[in-house]
Amino acid sequence: MRRQYAPFNGKRYILDKKTGVAHDLDNEVYDCKIRIIAYDKVDTADDIGEILKNPDFKVVCDHCIAKFG
């Protein structure tokens, strides 16, 4: 679920910079655990390509991206 408040600002994709896991908020499920990511560790983007280029990126989330491609 997209969040309109900072630091998410309505963006579709986020990166947990602490773990390196990328998430798709349009396909978010409870197991993504977005709620426990520290706001100062969130990077956002409208396009997954932006997240994949981030030096902190390591892997896509098994719950919200891997299942949907």
PDB file of N, CA and C in Angstrom:
ATOM      1  N   MET A   1       0.844  -1.171   0.000  1.00  0.00           N
ATOM      2  CA  MET A   1       0.000   0.000   0.000  1.00  0.00           C
ATOM      3  C   MET A   1       0.895   1.242   0.000  1.00  0.00           C
ATOM      4  N   ARG A   2       0.702   2.068  -0.984  1.00  0.00           N
ATOM      5  CA  ARG A   2       1.490   3.298  -1.048  1.00  0.00           C
ATOM      6  C   ARG A   2       1.124   4.212   0.109  1.00  0.00           C
ATOM      7  N   ARG A   3       2.136   4.872   0.599  1.00  0.00           N
ATOM      8  CA  ARG A   3       1.953   5.816   1.700  1.00  0.00           C
ATOM      9  C   ARG A   3       2.246   7.207   1.173  1.00  0.00           C
ATOM     10  N   GLN A   4       1.387   8.147   1.501  1.00  0.00           N
ATOM     11  CA  GLN A   4       1.527   9.504   0.977  1.00  0.00           C
ATOM     12  C   GLN A   4       2.413  10.390   1.858  1.00  0.00           C
ATOM     13  N   TYR A   5       2.807   9.909   3.006  1.00  0.00           N
ATOM     14  CA  TYR A   5       3.618  10.709   3.925  1.00  0.00           C
ATOM     15  C   TYR A   5       5.109  10.383   3.769  1.00  0.00           C
ATOM     16  N   ALA A   6       5.923  11.307   4.255  1.00  0.00           N
ATOM     17  CA  ALA A   6       7.376  11.126   4.195  1.00  0.00           C
ATOM     18  C   ALA A   6       7.796   9.956   5.080  1.00  0.00           C
ATOM     19  N   PRO A   7       8.766   9.194   4.659  1.00  0.00           N
ATOM     20  CA  PRO A   7       9.649   9.388   3.523  1.00  0.00           C
ATOM     21  C   PRO A   7       9.169   8.685   2.255  1.00  0.00           C
ATOM     22  N   PHE A   8       7.980   8.107   2.289  1.00  0.00           N
ATOM     23  CA  PHE A   8       7.480   7.320   1.156  1.00  0.00           C
ATOM     24  C   PHE A   8       6.940   8.196   0.020  1.00  0.00           C
ATOM     25  N   ASN A   9       6.223   9.241   0.375  1.00  0.00           N
ATOM     26  CA  ASN A   9       5.748  10.260  -0.571  1.00  0.00           C
ATOM     27  C   ASN A   9       5.021   9.715  -1.797  1.00  0.00           C
ATOM     28  N   GLY A  10       4.252   8.650  -1.610  1.00  0.00           N
ATOM     29  CA  GLY A  10       3.437   8.105  -2.690  1.00  0.00           C
ATOM     30  C   GLY A  10       4.184   7.302  -3.738  1.00  0.00           C
ATOM     31  N   LYS A  11       5.460   7.059  -3.515  1.00  0.00           N
ATOM     32  CA  LYS A  11       6.261   6.300  -4.482  1.00  0.00           C
ATOM     33  C   LYS A  11       5.890   4.821  -4.424  1.00  0.00           C
ATOM     34  N   ARG A  12       6.067   4.134  -5.534  1.00  0.00           N
ATOM     35  CA  ARG A  12       5.701   2.715  -5.602  1.00  0.00           C
ATOM     36  C   ARG A  12       6.776   1.802  -5.004  1.00  0.00           C
ATOM     37  N   TYR A  13       8.030   2.101  -5.279  1.00  0.00           N
ATOM     38  CA  TYR A  13       9.115   1.215  -4.859  1.00  0.00           C
ATOM     39  C   TYR A  13       9.926   1.833  -3.730  1.00  0.00           C
ATOM     40  N   ILE A  14      10.335   0.988  -2.795  1.00  0.00           N
ATOM     41  CA  ILE A  14      11.203   1.463  -1.733  1.00  0.00           C
ATOM     42  C   ILE A  14      12.367   0.493  -1.562  1.00  0.00           C
ATOM     43  N   LEU A  15      13.423   1.036  -1.008  1.00  0.00           N
ATOM     44  CA  LEU A  15      14.596   0.250  -0.683  1.00  0.00           C
ATOM     45  C   LEU A  15      14.889   0.427   0.793  1.00  0.00           C
ATOM     46  N   ASP A  16      15.007  -0.687   1.500  1.00  0.00           N
ATOM     47  CA  ASP A  16      15.461  -0.659   2.883  1.00  0.00           C
ATOM     48  C   ASP A  16      16.987  -0.620   2.798  1.00  0.00           C
ATOM     49  N   LYS A  17      17.566   0.547   3.030  1.00  0.00           N
ATOM     50  CA  LYS A  17      19.008   0.718   2.864  1.00  0.00           C
ATOM     51  C   LYS A  17      19.816  -0.057   3.901  1.00  0.00           C
ATOM     52  N   LYS A  18      19.191  -0.450   4.992  1.00  0.00           N
ATOM     53  CA  LYS A  18      19.900  -1.239   6.013  1.00  0.00           C
ATOM     54  C   LYS A  18      20.089  -2.682   5.557  1.00  0.00           C
ATOM     55  N   THR A  19      19.046  -3.262   4.966  1.00  0.00           N
ATOM     56  CA  THR A  19      19.100  -4.668   4.547  1.00  0.00           C
ATOM     57  C   THR A  19      19.390  -4.833   3.062  1.00  0.00           C
ATOM     58  N   GLY A  20      19.144  -3.786   2.270  1.00  0.00           N
ATOM     59  CA  GLY A  20      19.336  -3.864   0.830  1.00  0.00           C
ATOM     60  C   GLY A  20      18.171  -4.486   0.092  1.00  0.00           C
ATOM     61  N   VAL A  21      17.040  -4.678   0.768  1.00  0.00           N
ATOM     62  CA  VAL A  21      15.873  -5.322   0.167  1.00  0.00           C
ATOM     63  C   VAL A  21      14.957  -4.276  -0.474  1.00  0.00           C
ATOM     64  N   ALA A  22      14.603  -4.512  -1.745  1.00  0.00           N
ATOM     65  CA  ALA A  22      13.681  -3.650  -2.476  1.00  0.00           C
ATOM     66  C   ALA A  22      12.261  -4.193  -2.350  1.00  0.00           C
ATOM     67  N   HIS A  23      11.292  -3.272  -2.228  1.00  0.00           N
ATOM     68  CA  HIS A  23       9.886  -3.649  -2.069  1.00  0.00           C
ATOM     69  C   HIS A  23       9.020  -2.893  -3.069  1.00  0.00           C
ATOM     70  N   ASP A  24       7.914  -3.525  -3.490  1.00  0.00           N
ATOM     71  CA  ASP A  24       6.903  -2.918  -4.347  1.00  0.00           C
ATOM     72  C   ASP A  24       5.668  -2.690  -3.471  1.00  0.00           C
ATOM     73  N   LEU A  25       5.383  -1.448  -3.158  1.00  0.00           N
ATOM     74  CA  LEU A  25       4.281  -1.157  -2.242  1.00  0.00           C
ATOM     75  C   LEU A  25       2.907  -1.463  -2.836  1.00  0.00           C
ATOM     76  N   ASP A  26       2.800  -1.590  -4.153  1.00  0.00           N
ATOM     77  CA  ASP A  26       1.518  -1.972  -4.758  1.00  0.00           C
ATOM     78  C   ASP A  26       1.208  -3.450  -4.537  1.00  0.00           C
ATOM     79  N   ASN A  27       2.206  -4.239  -4.193  1.00  0.00           N
ATOM     80  CA  ASN A  27       2.019  -5.673  -3.940  1.00  0.00           C
ATOM     81  C   ASN A  27       2.420  -6.065  -2.519  1.00  0.00           C
ATOM     82  N   GLU A  28       2.499  -5.101  -1.654  1.00  0.00           N
ATOM     83  CA  GLU A  28       2.939  -5.328  -0.275  1.00  0.00           C
ATOM     84  C   GLU A  28       2.034  -6.310   0.469  1.00  0.00           C
ATOM     85  N   VAL A  29       2.663  -7.172   1.249  1.00  0.00           N
ATOM     86  CA  VAL A  29       1.955  -8.066   2.159  1.00  0.00           C
ATOM     87  C   VAL A  29       2.543  -7.896   3.549  1.00  0.00           C
ATOM     88  N   TYR A  30       1.876  -8.432   4.532  1.00  0.00           N
ATOM     89  CA  TYR A  30       2.304  -8.292   5.929  1.00  0.00           C
ATOM     90  C   TYR A  30       3.760  -8.722   6.128  1.00  0.00           C
ATOM     91  N   ASP A  31       4.165  -9.791   5.465  1.00  0.00           N
ATOM     92  CA  ASP A  31       5.516 -10.328   5.639  1.00  0.00           C
ATOM     93  C   ASP A  31       6.621  -9.429   5.082  1.00  0.00           C
ATOM     94  N   CYS A  32       6.271  -8.400   4.358  1.00  0.00           N
ATOM     95  CA  CYS A  32       7.280  -7.442   3.892  1.00  0.00           C
ATOM     96  C   CYS A  32       7.868  -6.653   5.069  1.00  0.00           C
ATOM     97  N   LYS A  33       7.074  -6.463   6.084  1.00  0.00           N
ATOM     98  CA  LYS A  33       7.480  -5.768   7.315  1.00  0.00           C
ATOM     99  C   LYS A  33       7.961  -4.341   7.056  1.00  0.00           C
ATOM    100  N   ILE A  34       7.293  -3.672   6.151  1.00  0.00           N
ATOM    101  CA  ILE A  34       7.606  -2.276   5.847  1.00  0.00           C
ATOM    102  C   ILE A  34       7.490  -1.436   7.117  1.00  0.00           C
ATOM    103  N   ARG A  35       6.557  -1.773   7.967  1.00  0.00           N
ATOM    104  CA  ARG A  35       6.286  -1.001   9.175  1.00  0.00           C
ATOM    105  C   ARG A  35       7.474  -0.924  10.127  1.00  0.00           C
ATOM    106  N   ILE A  36       8.445  -1.829  10.007  1.00  0.00           N
ATOM    107  CA  ILE A  36       9.571  -1.802  10.944  1.00  0.00           C
ATOM    108  C   ILE A  36      10.841  -1.180  10.338  1.00  0.00           C
ATOM    109  N   ILE A  37      10.763  -0.718   9.097  1.00  0.00           N
ATOM    110  CA  ILE A  37      11.919  -0.075   8.475  1.00  0.00           C
ATOM    111  C   ILE A  37      12.046   1.344   9.035  1.00  0.00           C
ATOM    112  N   ALA A  38      13.222   1.680   9.516  1.00  0.00           N
ATOM    113  CA  ALA A  38      13.469   3.035  10.031  1.00  0.00           C
ATOM    114  C   ALA A  38      13.360   4.037   8.883  1.00  0.00           C
ATOM    115  N   TYR A  39      12.669   5.132   9.118  1.00  0.00           N
ATOM    116  CA  TYR A  39      12.436   6.124   8.062  1.00  0.00           C
ATOM    117  C   TYR A  39      13.730   6.656   7.471  1.00  0.00           C
ATOM    118  N   ASP A  40      14.779   6.748   8.248  1.00  0.00           N
ATOM    119  CA  ASP A  40      16.042   7.263   7.725  1.00  0.00           C
ATOM    120  C   ASP A  40      16.790   6.227   6.889  1.00  0.00           C
ATOM    121  N   LYS A  41      16.248   5.025   6.803  1.00  0.00           N
ATOM    122  CA  LYS A  41      16.840   3.950   6.002  1.00  0.00           C
ATOM    123  C   LYS A  41      16.017   3.638   4.763  1.00  0.00           C
ATOM    124  N   VAL A  42      15.090   4.524   4.392  1.00  0.00           N
ATOM    125  CA  VAL A  42      14.202   4.319   3.248  1.00  0.00           C
ATOM    126  C   VAL A  42      14.639   5.184   2.071  1.00  0.00           C
ATOM    127  N   ASP A  43      14.766   4.567   0.918  1.00  0.00           N
ATOM    128  CA  ASP A  43      14.950   5.284  -0.342  1.00  0.00           C
ATOM    129  C   ASP A  43      13.748   4.920  -1.204  1.00  0.00           C
ATOM    130  N   THR A  44      13.251   5.859  -1.996  1.00  0.00           N
ATOM    131  CA  THR A  44      12.037   5.630  -2.776  1.00  0.00           C
ATOM    132  C   THR A  44      12.257   5.914  -4.252  1.00  0.00           C
ATOM    133  N   ALA A  45      11.392   5.328  -5.081  1.00  0.00           N
ATOM    134  CA  ALA A  45      11.462   5.562  -6.526  1.00  0.00           C
ATOM    135  C   ALA A  45      10.129   5.226  -7.176  1.00  0.00           C
ATOM    136  N   ASP A  46       9.886   5.835  -8.331  1.00  0.00           N
ATOM    137  CA  ASP A  46       8.699   5.515  -9.129  1.00  0.00           C
ATOM    138  C   ASP A  46       8.952   4.315 -10.024  1.00  0.00           C
ATOM    139  N   ASP A  47      10.220   4.015 -10.266  1.00  0.00           N
ATOM    140  CA  ASP A  47      10.598   2.956 -11.197  1.00  0.00           C
ATOM    141  C   ASP A  47      11.564   1.993 -10.510  1.00  0.00           C
ATOM    142  N   ILE A  48      11.368   0.703 -10.685  1.00  0.00           N
ATOM    143  CA  ILE A  48      12.225  -0.299 -10.049  1.00  0.00           C
ATOM    144  C   ILE A  48      13.677  -0.157 -10.519  1.00  0.00           C
ATOM    145  N   GLY A  49      13.871   0.329 -11.739  1.00  0.00           N
ATOM    146  CA  GLY A  49      15.220   0.517 -12.258  1.00  0.00           C
ATOM    147  C   GLY A  49      16.050   1.463 -11.412  1.00  0.00           C
ATOM    148  N   GLU A  50      15.408   2.485 -10.853  1.00  0.00           N
ATOM    149  CA  GLU A  50      16.110   3.430  -9.975  1.00  0.00           C
ATOM    150  C   GLU A  50      16.612   2.725  -8.723  1.00  0.00           C
ATOM    151  N   ILE A  51      15.788   1.843  -8.185  1.00  0.00           N
ATOM    152  CA  ILE A  51      16.166   1.101  -6.978  1.00  0.00           C
ATOM    153  C   ILE A  51      17.301   0.133  -7.291  1.00  0.00           C
ATOM    154  N   LEU A  52      17.215  -0.543  -8.425  1.00  0.00           N
ATOM    155  CA  LEU A  52      18.233  -1.532  -8.776  1.00  0.00           C
ATOM    156  C   LEU A  52      19.609  -0.902  -8.983  1.00  0.00           C
ATOM    157  N   LYS A  53      19.648   0.367  -9.334  1.00  0.00           N
ATOM    158  CA  LYS A  53      20.909   1.084  -9.527  1.00  0.00           C
ATOM    159  C   LYS A  53      21.491   1.629  -8.223  1.00  0.00           C
ATOM    160  N   ASN A  54      20.708   1.623  -7.166  1.00  0.00           N
ATOM    161  CA  ASN A  54      21.165   2.151  -5.880  1.00  0.00           C
ATOM    162  C   ASN A  54      22.282   1.264  -5.331  1.00  0.00           C
ATOM    163  N   PRO A  55      23.377   1.837  -4.884  1.00  0.00           N
ATOM    164  CA  PRO A  55      24.489   1.029  -4.370  1.00  0.00           C
ATOM    165  C   PRO A  55      24.136   0.213  -3.122  1.00  0.00           C
ATOM    166  N   ASP A  56      23.057   0.582  -2.435  1.00  0.00           N
ATOM    167  CA  ASP A  56      22.626  -0.167  -1.248  1.00  0.00           C
ATOM    168  C   ASP A  56      21.760  -1.378  -1.589  1.00  0.00           C
ATOM    169  N   PHE A  57      21.312  -1.477  -2.852  1.00  0.00           N
ATOM    170  CA  PHE A  57      20.449  -2.585  -3.277  1.00  0.00           C
ATOM    171  C   PHE A  57      21.200  -3.916  -3.247  1.00  0.00           C
ATOM    172  N   LYS A  58      20.518  -4.952  -2.704  1.00  0.00           N
ATOM    173  CA  LYS A  58      21.086  -6.300  -2.694  1.00  0.00           C
ATOM    174  C   LYS A  58      20.156  -7.328  -3.327  1.00  0.00           C
ATOM    175  N   VAL A  59      18.860  -7.260  -3.012  1.00  0.00           N
ATOM    176  CA  VAL A  59      17.924  -8.298  -3.433  1.00  0.00           C
ATOM    177  C   VAL A  59      16.502  -7.737  -3.445  1.00  0.00           C
ATOM    178  N   VAL A  60      15.621  -8.348  -4.282  1.00  0.00           N
ATOM    179  CA  VAL A  60      14.205  -7.976  -4.252  1.00  0.00           C
ATOM    180  C   VAL A  60      13.491  -8.820  -3.193  1.00  0.00           C
ATOM    181  N   CYS A  61      12.444  -8.272  -2.648  1.00  0.00           N
ATOM    182  CA  CYS A  61      11.653  -8.956  -1.621  1.00  0.00           C
ATOM    183  C   CYS A  61      10.969 -10.194  -2.203  1.00  0.00           C
ATOM    184  N   ASP A  62      11.060 -11.276  -1.493  1.00  0.00           N
ATOM    185  CA  ASP A  62      10.397 -12.517  -1.900  1.00  0.00           C
ATOM    186  C   ASP A  62       8.880 -12.426  -1.860  1.00  0.00           C
ATOM    187  N   HIS A  63       8.363 -11.504  -1.099  1.00  0.00           N
ATOM    188  CA  HIS A  63       6.923 -11.428  -0.871  1.00  0.00           C
ATOM    189  C   HIS A  63       6.188 -10.494  -1.839  1.00  0.00           C
ATOM    190  N   CYS A  64       6.821  -9.387  -2.236  1.00  0.00           N
ATOM    191  CA  CYS A  64       6.083  -8.419  -3.035  1.00  0.00           C
ATOM    192  C   CYS A  64       6.642  -8.193  -4.439  1.00  0.00           C
ATOM    193  N   ILE A  65       7.859  -8.620  -4.719  1.00  0.00           N
ATOM    194  CA  ILE A  65       8.409  -8.456  -6.068  1.00  0.00           C
ATOM    195  C   ILE A  65       8.681  -9.800  -6.729  1.00  0.00           C
ATOM    196  N   ALA A  66       9.353 -10.677  -6.073  1.00  0.00           N
ATOM    197  CA  ALA A  66       9.763 -11.948  -6.674  1.00  0.00           C
ATOM    198  C   ALA A  66       8.575 -12.728  -7.259  1.00  0.00           C
ATOM    199  N   LYS A  67       7.436 -12.690  -6.604  1.00  0.00           N
ATOM    200  CA  LYS A  67       6.270 -13.449  -7.059  1.00  0.00           C
ATOM    201  C   LYS A  67       5.606 -12.818  -8.275  1.00  0.00           C
ATOM    202  N   PHE A  68       5.839 -11.517  -8.462  1.00  0.00           N
ATOM    203  CA  PHE A  68       5.145 -10.793  -9.521  1.00  0.00           C
ATOM    204  C   PHE A  68       6.050 -10.405 -10.671  1.00  0.00           C
ATOM    205  N   GLY A  69       7.356 -10.624 -10.513  1.00  0.00           N
ATOM    206  CA  GLY A  69       8.293 -10.277 -11.580  1.00  0.00           C
ATOM    207  C   GLY A  69       8.644  -8.853 -11.510  1.00  0.00           C
TER     208      GLY A  69
END
